[in-house]
Protein backbone atom coordinates (compact mmCIF):
# COMPACT_ATOMS: atom_id res chain seq x y z
CA MET A 1 -36.50 6.94 20.33
CA SER A 2 -35.99 3.17 20.32
CA THR A 3 -32.82 1.83 21.88
CA ASP A 4 -31.56 0.52 18.55
CA GLN A 5 -31.50 4.10 17.21
CA ASP A 6 -29.94 5.96 20.14
CA ARG A 7 -26.40 7.31 20.20
CA PRO A 8 -24.67 4.27 21.77
CA ALA A 9 -26.27 1.99 19.16
CA ARG A 10 -25.28 4.28 16.28
CA LEU A 11 -21.70 4.62 17.54
CA LEU A 12 -21.28 0.88 17.93
CA ALA A 13 -22.85 0.22 14.52
CA ALA A 14 -20.45 2.68 12.88
CA ALA A 15 -17.50 1.02 14.61
CA VAL A 16 -18.59 -2.41 13.37
CA ARG A 17 -18.79 -1.17 9.79
CA VAL A 18 -15.11 -0.09 9.77
CA MET A 19 -13.81 -3.13 11.63
CA PRO A 20 -11.70 -5.71 9.76
CA ALA A 21 -13.67 -8.74 8.62
CA GLY A 22 -12.10 -10.90 11.32
CA ARG A 23 -13.46 -8.66 14.09
CA ARG A 24 -16.96 -7.98 12.82
CA ASP A 25 -18.42 -11.09 14.45
CA TRP A 26 -17.19 -9.79 17.79
CA GLY A 27 -18.69 -6.38 17.02
CA ARG A 28 -22.08 -7.87 16.14
CA ALA A 29 -22.02 -9.86 19.37
CA MET A 30 -21.43 -6.63 21.26
CA GLN A 31 -24.37 -5.05 19.40
CA ALA A 32 -26.57 -7.95 20.51
CA GLU A 33 -25.49 -7.47 24.12
CA LEU A 34 -26.13 -3.74 23.87
CA SER A 35 -29.68 -4.37 22.64
CA ALA A 36 -30.38 -6.29 25.86
CA ILE A 37 -29.49 -3.28 28.03
CA ASP A 38 -32.29 -0.80 28.70
CA GLU A 39 -30.80 1.72 31.13
CA PRO A 40 -29.39 4.70 29.13
CA ALA A 41 -26.39 5.23 31.41
CA GLU A 42 -25.47 1.55 31.23
CA ARG A 43 -25.87 1.58 27.45
CA ARG A 44 -23.50 4.53 27.14
CA SER A 45 -20.97 2.92 29.45
CA PHE A 46 -21.15 -0.40 27.60
CA ALA A 47 -20.75 1.27 24.19
CA ARG A 48 -17.75 3.30 25.40
CA GLY A 49 -16.15 0.13 26.73
CA CYS A 50 -16.61 -1.64 23.39
CA LEU A 51 -15.12 1.30 21.51
CA ARG A 52 -12.12 1.41 23.84
CA ALA A 53 -11.57 -2.32 23.36
CA ALA A 54 -11.79 -1.95 19.59
CA ALA A 55 -9.45 1.04 19.54
CA ALA A 56 -6.92 -0.89 21.60
CA GLU A 57 -6.52 -3.35 18.74
CA PHE A 58 -3.10 -2.70 17.23
CA HIS A 59 -4.18 -2.91 13.59
CA LEU A 60 -7.05 -0.49 14.15
CA LEU A 61 -4.77 1.97 15.90
CA ARG A 62 -2.22 1.58 13.13
CA ALA A 63 -4.86 2.26 10.47
CA ALA A 64 -6.00 5.39 12.30
CA VAL A 65 -2.43 6.67 12.65
CA HIS A 66 -1.77 5.87 9.00
CA LEU A 67 -4.83 7.84 7.93
CA LEU A 68 -3.85 10.84 10.06
CA VAL A 69 -0.29 10.80 8.71
CA VAL A 70 -1.40 10.56 5.07
CA LEU A 71 -4.06 13.25 5.43
CA GLY A 72 -1.78 15.51 7.45
CA THR A 73 1.02 15.21 4.92
CA LEU A 74 -1.38 15.75 2.01
CA VAL A 75 -2.92 18.88 3.55
CA THR A 76 0.51 20.30 4.42
CA LEU A 77 1.90 19.74 0.93
CA LEU A 78 -1.20 21.10 -0.80
CA ALA A 79 -1.04 24.21 1.38
CA TRP A 80 2.65 24.57 0.50
CA ILE A 81 1.90 24.06 -3.19
CA ALA A 82 -0.88 26.66 -3.11
CA ALA A 83 1.70 29.26 -2.07
CA VAL A 84 3.64 28.75 -5.32
CA ASP A 85 3.10 31.63 -7.72
CA TYR A 86 3.09 29.54 -10.91
CA PRO A 87 -0.29 27.94 -11.77
CA PRO A 88 1.03 25.19 -14.13
CA LEU A 89 3.45 23.97 -11.47
CA VAL A 90 0.71 24.15 -8.84
CA ALA A 91 -1.54 21.95 -11.02
CA VAL A 92 1.20 19.39 -11.73
CA LEU A 93 2.37 19.11 -8.14
CA SER A 94 -1.21 18.90 -6.83
CA VAL A 95 -1.93 15.96 -9.14
CA VAL A 96 1.32 14.19 -8.26
CA VAL A 97 0.96 14.65 -4.51
CA SER A 98 -2.71 13.59 -4.55
CA ALA A 99 -1.86 10.45 -6.54
CA LEU A 100 0.93 9.60 -4.12
CA ALA A 101 -1.45 10.08 -1.19
CA VAL A 102 -3.87 7.59 -2.77
CA VAL A 103 -1.03 5.09 -3.21
CA CYS A 104 0.15 5.58 0.38
CA TRP A 105 -3.37 5.14 1.71
CA ALA A 106 -3.81 1.99 -0.38
CA GLY A 107 -0.48 0.78 0.94
CA ARG A 108 -1.94 0.33 4.42
CA ARG A 109 -3.41 -2.95 3.20
CA ALA A 110 -1.05 -5.86 3.69
CA GLY A 111 0.65 -7.09 0.56
CA MET A 112 -0.29 -4.18 -1.68
CA LEU A 113 3.12 -2.50 -1.77
CA GLY A 114 4.98 -5.48 -0.41
CA PRO A 115 6.58 -7.75 0.27
CA THR A 116 8.96 -6.77 -2.49
CA GLY A 117 9.97 -9.15 -5.23
CA ASP A 118 13.02 -11.20 -4.26
CA SER A 119 14.47 -11.97 -7.71
CA TRP A 120 17.83 -10.60 -8.86
CA LEU A 121 16.05 -8.37 -11.38
CA ALA A 122 13.81 -6.80 -8.74
CA TRP A 123 16.83 -6.28 -6.47
CA LEU A 124 18.82 -4.70 -9.30
CA LEU A 125 16.03 -2.31 -10.28
CA ARG A 126 15.39 -1.31 -6.68
CA THR A 127 19.08 -0.60 -6.11
CA GLY A 128 19.36 1.41 -9.32
CA GLY A 129 16.23 3.37 -8.47
CA TYR A 130 17.50 4.21 -5.01
CA LEU A 131 20.77 5.45 -6.50
CA LEU A 132 18.99 7.61 -9.08
CA ALA A 133 16.78 9.14 -6.38
CA ALA A 134 19.85 9.79 -4.22
CA VAL A 135 21.57 11.58 -7.12
CA ILE A 136 18.53 13.82 -7.63
CA VAL A 137 18.47 14.73 -3.94
CA ALA A 138 22.24 15.35 -3.94
CA ALA A 139 22.00 17.54 -7.04
CA THR A 140 19.28 19.56 -5.36
CA ALA A 141 21.27 19.98 -2.17
CA THR A 142 24.43 21.13 -3.95
CA GLY A 143 22.99 23.10 -6.86
CA PRO A 144 21.76 26.69 -6.85
CA VAL A 145 18.00 27.16 -6.73
CA THR A 146 16.23 30.39 -7.58
CA ASP A 147 13.50 29.84 -5.00
CA ASP A 148 14.60 27.59 -2.15
CA SER A 149 11.03 26.87 -1.05
CA ILE A 150 9.87 25.81 -4.52
CA GLY A 151 13.10 23.92 -5.16
CA ILE A 152 12.78 21.84 -2.01
CA LEU A 153 9.12 21.14 -2.75
CA VAL A 154 9.73 20.02 -6.33
CA PHE A 155 12.90 18.05 -5.76
CA ALA A 156 11.54 16.29 -2.68
CA THR A 157 8.30 15.30 -4.43
CA ILE A 158 9.98 13.84 -7.54
CA PRO A 159 12.29 11.31 -5.81
CA ALA A 160 9.42 10.28 -3.52
CA SER A 161 7.20 9.74 -6.56
CA PHE A 162 9.88 7.73 -8.35
CA LEU A 163 10.61 5.53 -5.33
CA LEU A 164 6.92 4.86 -4.67
CA GLY A 165 6.48 3.91 -8.31
CA LEU A 166 9.36 1.45 -8.03
CA VAL A 167 8.11 -0.05 -4.77
CA ALA A 168 4.61 -0.52 -6.19
CA VAL A 169 5.67 -2.06 -9.50
CA LEU A 170 8.23 -4.36 -7.83
CA ALA A 171 5.86 -5.72 -5.19
CA LYS A 172 5.13 -9.43 -5.36
CA ARG A 173 1.46 -8.73 -6.10
CA SER A 174 2.33 -6.41 -8.97
CA ALA A 175 1.05 -7.39 -12.41
CA ALA A 176 4.53 -6.67 -13.79
CA THR A 177 6.25 -9.91 -14.79
CA ALA A 178 10.00 -10.27 -15.16
CA ARG A 179 9.69 -9.52 -18.89
CA VAL A 180 7.65 -6.39 -18.21
CA LEU A 181 10.30 -5.13 -15.80
CA LEU A 182 13.19 -6.07 -18.08
CA THR A 183 11.70 -4.52 -21.22
CA GLY A 184 10.42 -1.42 -19.42
CA ALA A 185 13.63 -0.59 -17.57
CA GLY A 186 15.81 -1.94 -20.39
CA SER A 187 14.26 0.22 -23.09
CA GLY A 188 14.55 3.24 -20.79
CA LEU A 189 18.24 2.61 -20.17
CA ALA A 190 18.85 1.96 -23.88
CA ALA A 191 17.21 5.30 -24.74
CA THR A 192 19.42 7.01 -22.16
CA LEU A 193 22.55 5.42 -23.67
CA ALA A 194 21.40 6.57 -27.10
CA TRP A 195 21.03 10.13 -25.79
CA LEU A 196 24.49 9.94 -24.21
CA ALA A 197 25.98 8.62 -27.46
CA VAL A 198 24.53 11.53 -29.41
CA VAL A 199 25.96 13.99 -26.89
CA VAL A 200 29.43 12.42 -27.00
CA ILE A 201 29.57 11.92 -30.78
CA ALA A 202 27.94 15.23 -31.70
CA PRO A 203 28.51 17.55 -28.72
CA PRO A 204 27.42 19.59 -26.88
CA ILE A 205 24.49 18.70 -24.63
CA PRO A 206 21.31 19.80 -26.44
CA PRO A 207 20.12 23.05 -24.83
CA SER A 208 16.50 21.94 -25.32
CA THR A 209 14.64 18.79 -24.27
CA GLY A 210 13.47 17.76 -27.75
CA LEU A 211 15.90 14.86 -28.15
CA ALA A 212 15.21 13.58 -24.62
CA LEU A 213 11.45 13.58 -25.18
CA ALA A 214 11.79 11.95 -28.62
CA LEU A 215 13.93 9.12 -27.21
CA THR A 216 11.44 8.71 -24.37
CA ALA A 217 8.68 8.18 -26.94
CA VAL A 218 10.84 5.57 -28.69
CA ALA A 219 11.48 3.76 -25.39
CA VAL A 220 7.74 3.69 -24.65
CA ALA A 221 6.98 2.24 -28.09
CA VAL A 222 9.67 -0.43 -27.73
CA ALA A 223 8.46 -1.43 -24.26
CA ALA A 224 4.85 -1.64 -25.39
CA LEU A 225 5.69 -3.66 -28.52
CA ALA A 226 7.87 -6.04 -26.53
CA ASN A 227 4.79 -6.91 -24.48
CA ALA A 228 2.29 -7.05 -27.35
CA ALA A 229 2.15 -10.83 -27.75
CA PRO A 230 -1.33 -12.43 -27.53
CA SER A 231 -0.36 -13.97 -24.19
CA ASP A 232 0.56 -10.58 -22.73
CA THR A 233 -1.90 -8.45 -20.79
CA ASN A 234 -2.95 -4.83 -21.15
CA GLN A 235 -1.85 -4.27 -17.56
CA GLY A 236 1.64 -5.51 -18.38
CA ARG A 237 1.91 -3.26 -21.44
CA LEU A 238 0.77 -0.25 -19.42
CA LEU A 239 3.27 -0.89 -16.64
CA ALA A 240 6.10 -1.50 -19.13
CA ALA A 241 5.35 1.76 -20.95
CA LEU A 242 5.16 3.79 -17.74
CA LEU A 243 8.32 2.21 -16.36
CA ALA A 244 10.16 2.94 -19.63
CA THR A 245 9.01 6.56 -19.51
CA ALA A 246 10.03 7.14 -15.90
CA THR A 247 13.37 5.35 -16.35
CA THR A 248 14.30 7.31 -19.47
CA MET A 249 13.38 10.71 -18.08
CA VAL A 250 15.03 10.24 -14.69
CA SER A 251 18.17 8.70 -16.21
CA ILE A 252 18.59 11.47 -18.80
CA PHE A 253 18.17 14.13 -16.11
CA VAL A 254 20.79 12.41 -13.96
CA GLY A 255 23.04 12.23 -17.04
CA VAL A 256 22.67 15.97 -17.62
CA VAL A 257 23.49 16.70 -13.98
CA ALA A 258 26.57 14.44 -14.10
CA LEU A 259 27.88 15.96 -17.34
CA ALA A 260 27.17 19.48 -16.14
CA HIS A 261 29.24 18.89 -13.02
CA TRP A 262 32.06 16.67 -14.30
CA GLY A 263 31.88 16.56 -18.10
CA PRO A 264 34.58 18.12 -20.30
CA ASP A 265 34.06 21.66 -21.50
CA ALA A 266 33.48 20.44 -25.05
CA LEU A 267 30.16 18.89 -23.96
CA ILE A 268 28.83 22.12 -22.41
CA PRO A 269 26.95 24.47 -24.76
CA ASN A 270 27.60 28.18 -24.42
CA ILE A 271 24.13 29.35 -23.36
CA THR A 272 25.31 32.33 -21.29
CA PRO A 273 26.86 34.68 -23.88
CA HIS A 274 26.34 37.66 -21.59
CA ALA A 275 28.38 36.17 -18.76
CA LEU A 276 31.70 37.71 -17.79
CA ALA A 277 34.59 36.85 -20.06
CA GLY A 278 36.15 33.54 -19.12
CA SER A 279 33.15 32.40 -17.04
CA GLU A 280 30.80 31.44 -19.89
CA ILE A 281 31.34 27.69 -19.54
CA ALA A 282 31.13 27.78 -15.73
CA GLU A 283 27.84 29.66 -15.94
CA SER A 284 26.57 27.38 -18.70
CA ARG A 285 27.24 24.31 -16.53
CA ILE A 286 24.70 25.73 -14.10
CA GLU A 287 22.17 26.94 -16.65
CA ILE A 288 22.12 23.78 -18.81
CA ILE A 289 20.27 21.90 -16.08
CA ASP A 290 17.32 24.30 -16.08
CA PRO A 291 15.66 23.13 -19.34
CA TYR A 292 15.84 19.53 -18.17
CA VAL A 293 13.92 20.29 -14.99
CA LEU A 294 10.87 19.91 -17.25
CA VAL A 295 11.94 16.31 -17.95
CA LEU A 296 12.35 15.69 -14.23
CA VAL A 297 8.92 17.12 -13.38
CA LEU A 298 7.31 15.01 -16.11
CA SER A 299 9.09 11.96 -14.70
CA GLY A 300 7.45 12.69 -11.35
CA VAL A 301 4.01 12.75 -12.98
CA VAL A 302 4.70 9.50 -14.82
CA SER A 303 6.13 7.85 -11.68
CA ALA A 304 2.97 8.76 -9.75
CA ALA A 305 0.91 7.27 -12.58
CA LEU A 306 3.11 4.14 -12.44
CA ALA A 307 2.51 3.76 -8.70
CA LEU A 308 -1.22 4.25 -9.12
CA ALA A 309 -1.42 1.82 -12.06
CA ALA A 310 0.61 -0.81 -10.18
CA VAL A 311 -1.77 -0.60 -7.21
CA LEU A 312 -4.93 -0.68 -9.35
CA THR A 313 -3.74 -3.64 -11.48
CA ARG A 314 -2.24 -5.73 -8.67
CA ARG A 315 -2.88 -9.46 -8.64
CA THR A 316 -4.98 -11.18 -6.01
CA VAL A 317 -3.21 -12.91 -3.15
CA THR A 318 -4.02 -16.30 -4.72
CA ASP A 319 -2.61 -15.33 -8.12
CA ALA A 320 0.48 -13.81 -6.54
CA ALA A 321 1.13 -17.07 -4.69
CA ARG A 322 1.05 -18.99 -7.98
CA VAL A 323 3.16 -16.58 -10.03
CA THR A 324 6.72 -15.68 -9.09
CA LEU A 325 8.48 -12.59 -10.24
């Protein structure tokens, strides 16, 4: 076997291929030095020394740790999901978690998920998103769950998906302009206010999700049409529509949770007729949230799609430097 095909040469060549562009010249120089060494023991020692030097680089070590963390988390969650005895939920959660893993892995590259936009609009949307995610987590921690394991899995994945979607779409390299963000989040909040108005004017809370899903569709249409000018881009329309969908669904779910906990009795439908006398409304406050878990799960899917779309449609570093949020 020629020296350029032995194990030290192959190991060093593989290391050079995964090195950042700024370090590949150094790696090729090390390959040239290795080719001048004939003694097998010296070649092995030299190759090991080069690999140790490369591994000692902080950014290479960070990339390796990042990969291990993402893969470890993905495998753990998929194994947890596989234990769920409900195939549709298994399929949905597997897709969401896999999409989030792709976004997290892509996020290792500088500038992809940050730095975040520094405008007042980006700050406002981030703050609102963090509050919505906190409410979901709080509702999960304080509310009864039929299966604690499944509940923790679902209600931990959804806020993570929503927050990653926000971080990705609000990054400076995101293709989402200020108008995309304003129309996407604005139409979602307007749809939520419309849902709340219907509930207050014509109580009680709808026991099904039909109205919530219909208003979500309206919000998506409004967001897409608001970004349909010839000067607008397909990427902007897509991000606006996804942001409107996620905002509407998450906000309506949070609204249901808030009304179920603190709303007047007149807003609570009697959906537990077989409950003990005098406890119908108290039981209904708990049960009314269950149908809207579908809305929350769908919001997690859409948020994962938003994060993925924001990463795939991001602007180049040069374009991002020219365009401000």
